[in-house]
Amino acid sequence: MYVSSGELTLAEHALAGGRRIKGGAEVRQLNIEADACAGMGIFEDLHNAPSADAFARQLSDSARRFYGTPLQAFLELIVSDKPAAVRRLRAHQDCFLARTIPANCSDEVSRAALRFAIIAAAGELATEWELTGWRPGEAIEASERCFHEWVRARGTKGASDIEAAISQVRSFLGANGASRFQLLNPVQPDIAAERITNRAGFKRLNSDGQTEYLILQETFRTETCAGYSYAAVLRDLDKRGFLVREHPNMTVKPRLPELGSIRVYCIRASILEGDEC
């Protein structure tokens, strides 16, 4: 855990370098805005200090003069009766998790809640041992607020690696469907072909009149699924009913202009109809 004066999140730093972070990294480094929304920066209560700046200096001075004693006492009490300490910690964790985990949330959110629960439980146990001067429940409430701030900024669903990958496929088709996919059997072939640059594949209408995107294999692996396992993405697309397949390797083999009969990945345009993940 650390405090940063930077204005960019870990994900934003990664994007600035043309990369992305995995869902697990979001859990290991939970990003929480420092503004307490009380008009005093990171503070909610100045405890009679004349200003937020004065209170910050007061805290800094106190931290240089007094440190370490509560932690030493906390550790001594834990090791003096570890089984009892573990039982109390787990009880506080269970209390926190029962109050905070949203219904149908992603695995990352549940794992993040567990990290907040550990902090809350440690604070409550230290309070029970009269090491903090806080009222009972204060550590849980503080951790709960931080958790809800993190969830508010992130959301409860999506952003797991596979969900982010499916979202990337959706974004790729939405952004390139008109410009990089050549229409098979167009009414005006010459005009349609002139509009295609850096071709990613083709699009066609199936027997039900629904659009299907035929993505070249190399493009799908290096662009559409960039940063993710294309095989895992294909399995999930197939499970969701977005993939058309005629072969065990998840492909179809149509005859395409200039390319002949080659295997491509075929994705239904229904993937663009909403954001179910």
C-alpha atoms as a PDB file:
ATOM      1  CA  MET A   1       0.000   0.000   0.000  1.00  0.00           C
ATOM      2  CA  TYR A   2       1.304   3.443  -0.827  1.00  0.00           C
ATOM      3  CA  VAL A   3       0.234   7.034  -1.403  1.00  0.00           C
ATOM      4  CA  SER A   4       1.093   8.745  -4.691  1.00  0.00           C
ATOM      5  CA  SER A   5       0.898  12.390  -5.661  1.00  0.00           C
ATOM      6  CA  GLY A   6       0.543  11.385  -9.316  1.00  0.00           C
ATOM      7  CA  GLU A   7      -2.642  12.218 -11.197  1.00  0.00           C
ATOM      8  CA  LEU A   8      -2.669   9.104 -13.391  1.00  0.00           C
ATOM      9  CA  THR A   9      -3.886   5.659 -12.393  1.00  0.00           C
ATOM     10  CA  LEU A  10      -1.889   2.513 -13.076  1.00  0.00           C
ATOM     11  CA  ALA A  11      -4.161   1.748 -16.050  1.00  0.00           C
ATOM     12  CA  GLU A  12      -3.683   5.250 -17.469  1.00  0.00           C
ATOM     13  CA  HIS A  13       0.093   4.959 -17.123  1.00  0.00           C
ATOM     14  CA  ALA A  14      -0.022   1.647 -19.007  1.00  0.00           C
ATOM     15  CA  LEU A  15      -2.183   3.092 -21.789  1.00  0.00           C
ATOM     16  CA  ALA A  16       0.225   6.014 -22.188  1.00  0.00           C
ATOM     17  CA  GLY A  17       2.865   3.431 -23.104  1.00  0.00           C
ATOM     18  CA  GLY A  18       0.558   1.576 -25.463  1.00  0.00           C
ATOM     19  CA  ARG A  19      -0.025  -1.252 -23.020  1.00  0.00           C
ATOM     20  CA  ARG A  20      -2.820  -2.420 -20.740  1.00  0.00           C
ATOM     21  CA  ILE A  21      -2.923  -3.947 -17.297  1.00  0.00           C
ATOM     22  CA  LYS A  22      -4.510  -7.262 -16.418  1.00  0.00           C
ATOM     23  CA  GLY A  23      -7.380  -7.594 -13.990  1.00  0.00           C
ATOM     24  CA  GLY A  24      -5.099  -9.061 -11.324  1.00  0.00           C
ATOM     25  CA  ALA A  25      -2.908  -5.954 -11.350  1.00  0.00           C
ATOM     26  CA  GLU A  26      -5.962  -3.815 -10.614  1.00  0.00           C
ATOM     27  CA  VAL A  27      -6.521  -5.875  -7.477  1.00  0.00           C
ATOM     28  CA  ARG A  28      -2.890  -5.816  -6.357  1.00  0.00           C
ATOM     29  CA  GLN A  29      -2.741  -2.024  -6.725  1.00  0.00           C
ATOM     30  CA  LEU A  30      -6.174  -0.674  -5.844  1.00  0.00           C
ATOM     31  CA  ASN A  31      -6.617   2.902  -6.998  1.00  0.00           C
ATOM     32  CA  ILE A  32      -8.562   5.146  -4.596  1.00  0.00           C
ATOM     33  CA  GLU A  33      -8.898   8.891  -5.086  1.00  0.00           C
ATOM     34  CA  ALA A  34      -7.449  10.824  -2.158  1.00  0.00           C
ATOM     35  CA  ASP A  35     -10.088  13.588  -2.162  1.00  0.00           C
ATOM     36  CA  ALA A  36     -12.447  13.003   0.780  1.00  0.00           C
ATOM     37  CA  CYS A  37     -15.077  15.285  -0.860  1.00  0.00           C
ATOM     38  CA  ALA A  38     -15.323  17.426   2.260  1.00  0.00           C
ATOM     39  CA  GLY A  39     -13.692  20.516   0.790  1.00  0.00           C
ATOM     40  CA  MET A  40     -10.464  19.864   2.701  1.00  0.00           C
ATOM     41  CA  GLY A  41      -8.486  17.675   0.307  1.00  0.00           C
ATOM     42  CA  ILE A  42      -7.729  14.287   1.830  1.00  0.00           C
ATOM     43  CA  PHE A  43      -9.214  15.263   5.209  1.00  0.00           C
ATOM     44  CA  GLU A  44     -12.754  14.936   6.513  1.00  0.00           C
ATOM     45  CA  ASP A  45     -12.109  16.438   9.959  1.00  0.00           C
ATOM     46  CA  LEU A  46      -9.388  18.953  10.854  1.00  0.00           C
ATOM     47  CA  HIS A  47      -9.719  18.301  14.614  1.00  0.00           C
ATOM     48  CA  ASN A  48      -9.695  22.008  15.497  1.00  0.00           C
ATOM     49  CA  ALA A  49      -6.704  22.822  13.274  1.00  0.00           C
ATOM     50  CA  PRO A  50      -7.120  26.208  11.520  1.00  0.00           C
ATOM     51  CA  SER A  51      -6.639  24.774   8.006  1.00  0.00           C
ATOM     52  CA  ALA A  52      -5.971  21.583   6.073  1.00  0.00           C
ATOM     53  CA  ASP A  53      -2.373  22.690   5.543  1.00  0.00           C
ATOM     54  CA  ALA A  54      -1.860  23.282   9.265  1.00  0.00           C
ATOM     55  CA  PHE A  55      -3.370  19.888  10.091  1.00  0.00           C
ATOM     56  CA  ALA A  56      -1.109  18.188   7.536  1.00  0.00           C
ATOM     57  CA  ARG A  57       1.955  19.786   9.142  1.00  0.00           C
ATOM     58  CA  GLN A  58       0.712  18.714  12.561  1.00  0.00           C
ATOM     59  CA  LEU A  59       0.357  15.114  11.396  1.00  0.00           C
ATOM     60  CA  SER A  60       3.780  15.182   9.753  1.00  0.00           C
ATOM     61  CA  ASP A  61       5.430  16.480  12.911  1.00  0.00           C
ATOM     62  CA  SER A  62       3.665  13.908  15.097  1.00  0.00           C
ATOM     63  CA  ALA A  63       4.601  11.064  12.744  1.00  0.00           C
ATOM     64  CA  ARG A  64       8.286  11.983  13.032  1.00  0.00           C
ATOM     65  CA  ARG A  65       8.144  11.935  16.829  1.00  0.00           C
ATOM     66  CA  PHE A  66       5.777   9.044  17.537  1.00  0.00           C
ATOM     67  CA  TYR A  67       5.830   5.832  15.501  1.00  0.00           C
ATOM     68  CA  GLY A  68       6.047   2.078  15.835  1.00  0.00           C
ATOM     69  CA  THR A  69       4.648   1.569  19.339  1.00  0.00           C
ATOM     70  CA  PRO A  70       1.081   0.508  18.364  1.00  0.00           C
ATOM     71  CA  LEU A  71       2.396  -1.918  15.759  1.00  0.00           C
ATOM     72  CA  GLN A  72       4.779  -3.568  18.204  1.00  0.00           C
ATOM     73  CA  ALA A  73       1.986  -4.006  20.737  1.00  0.00           C
ATOM     74  CA  PHE A  74      -0.338  -5.322  17.995  1.00  0.00           C
ATOM     75  CA  LEU A  75       2.157  -7.965  16.897  1.00  0.00           C
ATOM     76  CA  GLU A  76       2.912  -9.014  20.475  1.00  0.00           C
ATOM     77  CA  LEU A  77      -0.801  -9.553  21.152  1.00  0.00           C
ATOM     78  CA  ILE A  78      -1.226 -11.574  17.957  1.00  0.00           C
ATOM     79  CA  VAL A  79       1.638 -13.957  18.683  1.00  0.00           C
ATOM     80  CA  SER A  80       0.636 -14.340  22.328  1.00  0.00           C
ATOM     81  CA  ASP A  81      -2.579 -16.111  21.248  1.00  0.00           C
ATOM     82  CA  LYS A  82      -2.553 -16.526  17.513  1.00  0.00           C
ATOM     83  CA  PRO A  83      -5.569 -18.910  17.228  1.00  0.00           C
ATOM     84  CA  ALA A  84      -7.789 -16.450  19.101  1.00  0.00           C
ATOM     85  CA  ALA A  85      -6.502 -13.537  17.009  1.00  0.00           C
ATOM     86  CA  VAL A  86      -7.189 -15.432  13.775  1.00  0.00           C
ATOM     87  CA  ARG A  87     -10.750 -16.211  14.897  1.00  0.00           C
ATOM     88  CA  ARG A  88     -11.441 -12.545  15.674  1.00  0.00           C
ATOM     89  CA  LEU A  89      -9.874 -11.376  12.412  1.00  0.00           C
ATOM     90  CA  ARG A  90     -11.970 -13.800  10.384  1.00  0.00           C
ATOM     91  CA  ALA A  91     -15.113 -12.744  12.221  1.00  0.00           C
ATOM     92  CA  HIS A  92     -14.443  -9.103  11.347  1.00  0.00           C
ATOM     93  CA  GLN A  93     -13.619 -10.040   7.755  1.00  0.00           C
ATOM     94  CA  ASP A  94     -16.875 -11.956   7.406  1.00  0.00           C
ATOM     95  CA  CYS A  95     -18.773  -8.992   8.811  1.00  0.00           C
ATOM     96  CA  PHE A  96     -17.164  -6.659   6.294  1.00  0.00           C
ATOM     97  CA  LEU A  97     -17.706  -8.954   3.303  1.00  0.00           C
ATOM     98  CA  ALA A  98     -21.349  -9.572   4.204  1.00  0.00           C
ATOM     99  CA  ARG A  99     -21.946  -5.817   4.186  1.00  0.00           C
ATOM    100  CA  THR A 100     -20.058  -4.867   1.043  1.00  0.00           C
ATOM    101  CA  ILE A 101     -19.783  -7.410  -1.783  1.00  0.00           C
ATOM    102  CA  PRO A 102     -22.263  -6.479  -4.560  1.00  0.00           C
ATOM    103  CA  ALA A 103     -24.454  -9.155  -6.076  1.00  0.00           C
ATOM    104  CA  ASN A 104     -23.157 -10.786  -9.281  1.00  0.00           C
ATOM    105  CA  CYS A 105     -19.877  -8.887  -9.158  1.00  0.00           C
ATOM    106  CA  SER A 106     -16.754 -10.001 -11.013  1.00  0.00           C
ATOM    107  CA  ASP A 107     -14.016 -12.096  -9.419  1.00  0.00           C
ATOM    108  CA  GLU A 108     -11.726  -9.066  -9.270  1.00  0.00           C
ATOM    109  CA  VAL A 109     -14.240  -7.116  -7.188  1.00  0.00           C
ATOM    110  CA  SER A 110     -14.595 -10.013  -4.737  1.00  0.00           C
ATOM    111  CA  ARG A 111     -10.817 -10.273  -4.401  1.00  0.00           C
ATOM    112  CA  ALA A 112     -10.515  -6.530  -3.877  1.00  0.00           C
ATOM    113  CA  ALA A 113     -13.203  -6.677  -1.183  1.00  0.00           C
ATOM    114  CA  LEU A 114     -11.130  -9.309   0.617  1.00  0.00           C
ATOM    115  CA  ARG A 115      -8.146  -6.934   0.708  1.00  0.00           C
ATOM    116  CA  PHE A 116     -10.280  -4.170   2.180  1.00  0.00           C
ATOM    117  CA  ALA A 117     -11.719  -6.707   4.621  1.00  0.00           C
ATOM    118  CA  ILE A 118      -8.233  -7.561   5.904  1.00  0.00           C
ATOM    119  CA  ILE A 119      -7.550  -3.881   6.601  1.00  0.00           C
ATOM    120  CA  ALA A 120     -10.924  -3.457   8.311  1.00  0.00           C
ATOM    121  CA  ALA A 121     -10.414  -6.572  10.437  1.00  0.00           C
ATOM    122  CA  ALA A 122      -6.940  -5.482  11.561  1.00  0.00           C
ATOM    123  CA  GLY A 123      -8.307  -2.082  12.563  1.00  0.00           C
ATOM    124  CA  GLU A 124     -11.192  -3.563  14.523  1.00  0.00           C
ATOM    125  CA  LEU A 125      -8.933  -6.043  16.307  1.00  0.00           C
ATOM    126  CA  ALA A 126      -6.514  -3.244  17.246  1.00  0.00           C
ATOM    127  CA  THR A 127      -9.467  -1.258  18.555  1.00  0.00           C
ATOM    128  CA  GLU A 128     -10.624  -4.214  20.663  1.00  0.00           C
ATOM    129  CA  TRP A 129      -7.123  -4.313  22.155  1.00  0.00           C
ATOM    130  CA  GLU A 130      -7.343  -0.565  22.955  1.00  0.00           C
ATOM    131  CA  LEU A 131      -4.509   0.379  20.640  1.00  0.00           C
ATOM    132  CA  THR A 132      -6.308   2.905  18.405  1.00  0.00           C
ATOM    133  CA  GLY A 133      -8.661   5.034  20.457  1.00  0.00           C
ATOM    134  CA  TRP A 134     -11.308   4.507  17.779  1.00  0.00           C
ATOM    135  CA  ARG A 135     -14.890   3.515  18.475  1.00  0.00           C
ATOM    136  CA  PRO A 136     -15.940  -0.065  17.572  1.00  0.00           C
ATOM    137  CA  GLY A 137     -16.923  -0.338  13.912  1.00  0.00           C
ATOM    138  CA  GLU A 138     -14.948   2.722  12.801  1.00  0.00           C
ATOM    139  CA  ALA A 139     -12.278   0.739  10.952  1.00  0.00           C
ATOM    140  CA  ILE A 140     -14.927  -1.287   9.096  1.00  0.00           C
ATOM    141  CA  GLU A 141     -16.806   1.871   8.109  1.00  0.00           C
ATOM    142  CA  ALA A 142     -13.644   3.568   6.859  1.00  0.00           C
ATOM    143  CA  SER A 143     -12.565   0.547   4.813  1.00  0.00           C
ATOM    144  CA  GLU A 144     -16.099   0.144   3.518  1.00  0.00           C
ATOM    145  CA  ARG A 145     -16.144   3.719   2.274  1.00  0.00           C
ATOM    146  CA  CYS A 146     -12.813   3.265   0.489  1.00  0.00           C
ATOM    147  CA  PHE A 147     -14.063   0.044  -1.092  1.00  0.00           C
ATOM    148  CA  HIS A 148     -17.233   1.728  -2.347  1.00  0.00           C
ATOM    149  CA  GLU A 149     -15.164   4.585  -3.791  1.00  0.00           C
ATOM    150  CA  TRP A 150     -13.039   2.044  -5.656  1.00  0.00           C
ATOM    151  CA  VAL A 151     -16.134   0.217  -6.942  1.00  0.00           C
ATOM    152  CA  ARG A 152     -17.764   3.503  -7.971  1.00  0.00           C
ATOM    153  CA  ALA A 153     -14.758   4.385 -10.126  1.00  0.00           C
ATOM    154  CA  ARG A 154     -14.296   0.896 -11.533  1.00  0.00           C
ATOM    155  CA  GLY A 155     -17.735  -0.727 -11.671  1.00  0.00           C
ATOM    156  CA  THR A 156     -18.781  -4.102 -10.295  1.00  0.00           C
ATOM    157  CA  LYS A 157     -18.651  -6.075 -13.532  1.00  0.00           C
ATOM    158  CA  GLY A 158     -16.455  -6.291 -16.570  1.00  0.00           C
ATOM    159  CA  ALA A 159     -12.767  -5.468 -16.573  1.00  0.00           C
ATOM    160  CA  SER A 160     -11.810  -9.036 -15.896  1.00  0.00           C
ATOM    161  CA  ASP A 161      -9.327 -10.123 -18.545  1.00  0.00           C
ATOM    162  CA  ILE A 162     -11.834 -12.061 -20.663  1.00  0.00           C
ATOM    163  CA  GLU A 163     -14.532  -9.395 -20.315  1.00  0.00           C
ATOM    164  CA  ALA A 164     -12.044  -6.719 -21.330  1.00  0.00           C
ATOM    165  CA  ALA A 165     -10.996  -8.853 -24.300  1.00  0.00           C
ATOM    166  CA  ILE A 166     -14.594  -9.287 -25.499  1.00  0.00           C
ATOM    167  CA  SER A 167     -15.106  -5.554 -25.100  1.00  0.00           C
ATOM    168  CA  GLN A 168     -12.000  -5.003 -27.227  1.00  0.00           C
ATOM    169  CA  VAL A 169     -13.389  -7.253 -29.978  1.00  0.00           C
ATOM    170  CA  ARG A 170     -16.633  -5.281 -29.875  1.00  0.00           C
ATOM    171  CA  SER A 171     -14.746  -1.985 -30.065  1.00  0.00           C
ATOM    172  CA  PHE A 172     -12.585  -3.231 -32.947  1.00  0.00           C
ATOM    173  CA  LEU A 173     -15.609  -4.186 -35.035  1.00  0.00           C
ATOM    174  CA  GLY A 174     -17.454  -1.016 -34.148  1.00  0.00           C
ATOM    175  CA  ALA A 175     -14.518   1.168 -35.144  1.00  0.00           C
ATOM    176  CA  ASN A 176     -13.459  -0.716 -38.286  1.00  0.00           C
ATOM    177  CA  GLY A 177     -16.587  -2.421 -39.555  1.00  0.00           C
ATOM    178  CA  ALA A 178     -17.259   0.181 -42.234  1.00  0.00           C
ATOM    179  CA  SER A 179     -13.695   1.044 -43.228  1.00  0.00           C
ATOM    180  CA  ARG A 180     -11.659  -2.162 -43.093  1.00  0.00           C
ATOM    181  CA  PHE A 181     -14.154  -4.915 -43.972  1.00  0.00           C
ATOM    182  CA  GLN A 182     -14.921  -5.483 -47.629  1.00  0.00           C
ATOM    183  CA  LEU A 183     -18.541  -6.298 -48.360  1.00  0.00           C
ATOM    184  CA  LEU A 184     -18.980  -9.595 -50.204  1.00  0.00           C
ATOM    185  CA  ASN A 185     -21.204  -9.379 -53.305  1.00  0.00           C
ATOM    186  CA  PRO A 186     -21.938  -5.647 -52.953  1.00  0.00           C
ATOM    187  CA  VAL A 187     -24.491  -3.954 -55.179  1.00  0.00           C
ATOM    188  CA  GLN A 188     -21.762  -1.581 -56.389  1.00  0.00           C
ATOM    189  CA  PRO A 189     -18.521  -3.608 -56.181  1.00  0.00           C
ATOM    190  CA  ASP A 190     -16.156  -0.915 -57.462  1.00  0.00           C
ATOM    191  CA  ILE A 191     -17.353   1.757 -55.038  1.00  0.00           C
ATOM    192  CA  ALA A 192     -17.325  -0.595 -52.059  1.00  0.00           C
ATOM    193  CA  ALA A 193     -13.806  -1.827 -52.819  1.00  0.00           C
ATOM    194  CA  GLU A 194     -12.421   1.705 -53.122  1.00  0.00           C
ATOM    195  CA  ARG A 195     -13.417   2.493 -49.531  1.00  0.00           C
ATOM    196  CA  ILE A 196     -11.415  -0.348 -47.973  1.00  0.00           C
ATOM    197  CA  THR A 197      -7.965   0.452 -46.617  1.00  0.00           C
ATOM    198  CA  ASN A 198      -5.740  -1.821 -44.549  1.00  0.00           C
ATOM    199  CA  ARG A 199      -8.251  -4.638 -44.961  1.00  0.00           C
ATOM    200  CA  ALA A 200      -9.021  -6.590 -41.802  1.00  0.00           C
ATOM    201  CA  GLY A 201     -11.447  -8.984 -43.480  1.00  0.00           C
ATOM    202  CA  PHE A 202     -14.828  -9.175 -45.121  1.00  0.00           C
ATOM    203  CA  LYS A 203     -18.475  -8.934 -44.132  1.00  0.00           C
ATOM    204  CA  ARG A 204     -21.441 -10.796 -45.493  1.00  0.00           C
ATOM    205  CA  LEU A 205     -25.133 -11.393 -44.907  1.00  0.00           C
ATOM    206  CA  ASN A 206     -26.151 -14.878 -43.729  1.00  0.00           C
ATOM    207  CA  SER A 207     -29.317 -16.685 -44.722  1.00  0.00           C
ATOM    208  CA  ASP A 208     -31.243 -14.804 -42.026  1.00  0.00           C
ATOM    209  CA  GLY A 209     -30.097 -11.445 -43.340  1.00  0.00           C
ATOM    210  CA  GLN A 210     -27.729 -10.874 -40.392  1.00  0.00           C
ATOM    211  CA  THR A 211     -24.266  -9.417 -40.874  1.00  0.00           C
ATOM    212  CA  GLU A 212     -21.224 -11.574 -40.154  1.00  0.00           C
ATOM    213  CA  TYR A 213     -17.616 -10.373 -39.995  1.00  0.00           C
ATOM    214  CA  LEU A 214     -14.957 -12.604 -41.545  1.00  0.00           C
ATOM    215  CA  ILE A 215     -11.719 -11.586 -39.861  1.00  0.00           C
ATOM    216  CA  LEU A 216      -8.354 -12.604 -41.294  1.00  0.00           C
ATOM    217  CA  GLN A 217      -6.578 -14.883 -38.833  1.00  0.00           C
ATOM    218  CA  GLU A 218      -3.428 -12.786 -38.470  1.00  0.00           C
ATOM    219  CA  THR A 219      -5.441  -9.600 -37.972  1.00  0.00           C
ATOM    220  CA  PHE A 220      -7.601 -11.255 -35.343  1.00  0.00           C
ATOM    221  CA  ARG A 221      -4.585 -12.505 -33.408  1.00  0.00           C
ATOM    222  CA  THR A 222      -2.406  -9.390 -33.587  1.00  0.00           C
ATOM    223  CA  GLU A 223      -4.974  -6.557 -33.651  1.00  0.00           C
ATOM    224  CA  THR A 224      -8.440  -7.644 -32.590  1.00  0.00           C
ATOM    225  CA  CYS A 225      -7.119  -9.626 -29.614  1.00  0.00           C
ATOM    226  CA  ALA A 226      -3.926  -7.645 -29.046  1.00  0.00           C
ATOM    227  CA  GLY A 227      -2.713  -8.227 -25.495  1.00  0.00           C
ATOM    228  CA  TYR A 228      -4.990 -11.222 -24.887  1.00  0.00           C
ATOM    229  CA  SER A 229      -5.024 -14.926 -25.663  1.00  0.00           C
ATOM    230  CA  TYR A 230      -6.872 -15.169 -28.974  1.00  0.00           C
ATOM    231  CA  ALA A 231      -7.692 -18.830 -28.263  1.00  0.00           C
ATOM    232  CA  ALA A 232      -9.382 -17.908 -24.985  1.00  0.00           C
ATOM    233  CA  VAL A 233     -11.280 -15.119 -26.735  1.00  0.00           C
ATOM    234  CA  LEU A 234     -12.503 -17.532 -29.405  1.00  0.00           C
ATOM    235  CA  ARG A 235     -13.721 -19.997 -26.788  1.00  0.00           C
ATOM    236  CA  ASP A 236     -15.654 -17.271 -25.006  1.00  0.00           C
ATOM    237  CA  LEU A 237     -17.121 -15.889 -28.232  1.00  0.00           C
ATOM    238  CA  ASP A 238     -18.251 -19.427 -29.080  1.00  0.00           C
ATOM    239  CA  LYS A 239     -19.793 -19.878 -25.629  1.00  0.00           C
ATOM    240  CA  ARG A 240     -21.714 -16.610 -25.987  1.00  0.00           C
ATOM    241  CA  GLY A 241     -23.031 -17.545 -29.424  1.00  0.00           C
ATOM    242  CA  PHE A 242     -21.118 -14.852 -31.295  1.00  0.00           C
ATOM    243  CA  LEU A 243     -18.803 -17.197 -33.228  1.00  0.00           C
ATOM    244  CA  VAL A 244     -19.749 -19.035 -36.435  1.00  0.00           C
ATOM    245  CA  ARG A 245     -17.640 -22.140 -36.843  1.00  0.00           C
ATOM    246  CA  GLU A 246     -17.386 -25.000 -39.320  1.00  0.00           C
ATOM    247  CA  HIS A 247     -14.204 -26.595 -38.064  1.00  0.00           C
ATOM    248  CA  PRO A 248     -12.693 -27.669 -34.721  1.00  0.00           C
ATOM    249  CA  ASN A 249     -10.204 -24.781 -34.873  1.00  0.00           C
ATOM    250  CA  MET A 250     -13.011 -22.226 -34.663  1.00  0.00           C
ATOM    251  CA  THR A 251     -12.850 -21.112 -38.317  1.00  0.00           C
ATOM    252  CA  VAL A 252     -14.929 -21.066 -41.478  1.00  0.00           C
ATOM    253  CA  LYS A 253     -13.568 -21.446 -45.022  1.00  0.00           C
ATOM    254  CA  PRO A 254     -15.402 -19.254 -47.523  1.00  0.00           C
ATOM    255  CA  ARG A 255     -14.157 -18.273 -50.987  1.00  0.00           C
ATOM    256  CA  LEU A 256     -12.943 -14.707 -50.812  1.00  0.00           C
ATOM    257  CA  PRO A 257     -12.028 -12.195 -53.540  1.00  0.00           C
ATOM    258  CA  GLU A 258      -8.303 -12.211 -54.392  1.00  0.00           C
ATOM    259  CA  LEU A 259      -7.566 -14.674 -51.565  1.00  0.00           C
ATOM    260  CA  GLY A 260      -9.473 -17.787 -52.624  1.00  0.00           C
ATOM    261  CA  SER A 261     -10.660 -20.341 -50.083  1.00  0.00           C
ATOM    262  CA  ILE A 262      -8.939 -19.575 -46.785  1.00  0.00           C
ATOM    263  CA  ARG A 263      -9.843 -20.063 -43.164  1.00  0.00           C
ATOM    264  CA  VAL A 264     -11.023 -16.997 -41.250  1.00  0.00           C
ATOM    265  CA  TYR A 265     -12.750 -16.270 -37.965  1.00  0.00           C
ATOM    266  CA  CYS A 266     -16.430 -15.440 -38.382  1.00  0.00           C
ATOM    267  CA  ILE A 267     -18.137 -13.261 -35.762  1.00  0.00           C
ATOM    268  CA  ARG A 268     -21.796 -12.339 -35.747  1.00  0.00           C
ATOM    269  CA  ALA A 269     -22.635  -8.632 -35.750  1.00  0.00           C
ATOM    270  CA  SER A 270     -24.980  -9.310 -32.825  1.00  0.00           C
ATOM    271  CA  ILE A 271     -21.903  -8.785 -30.618  1.00  0.00           C
ATOM    272  CA  LEU A 272     -22.430  -5.062 -31.254  1.00  0.00           C
ATOM    273  CA  GLU A 273     -26.000  -5.069 -29.957  1.00  0.00           C
ATOM    274  CA  GLY A 274     -25.376  -3.950 -26.413  1.00  0.00           C
ATOM    275  CA  ASP A 275     -22.786  -4.549 -23.739  1.00  0.00           C
ATOM    276  CA  GLU A 276     -23.867  -7.634 -21.834  1.00  0.00           C
ATOM    277  CA  CYS A 277     -20.489  -8.064 -20.195  1.00  0.00           C
END
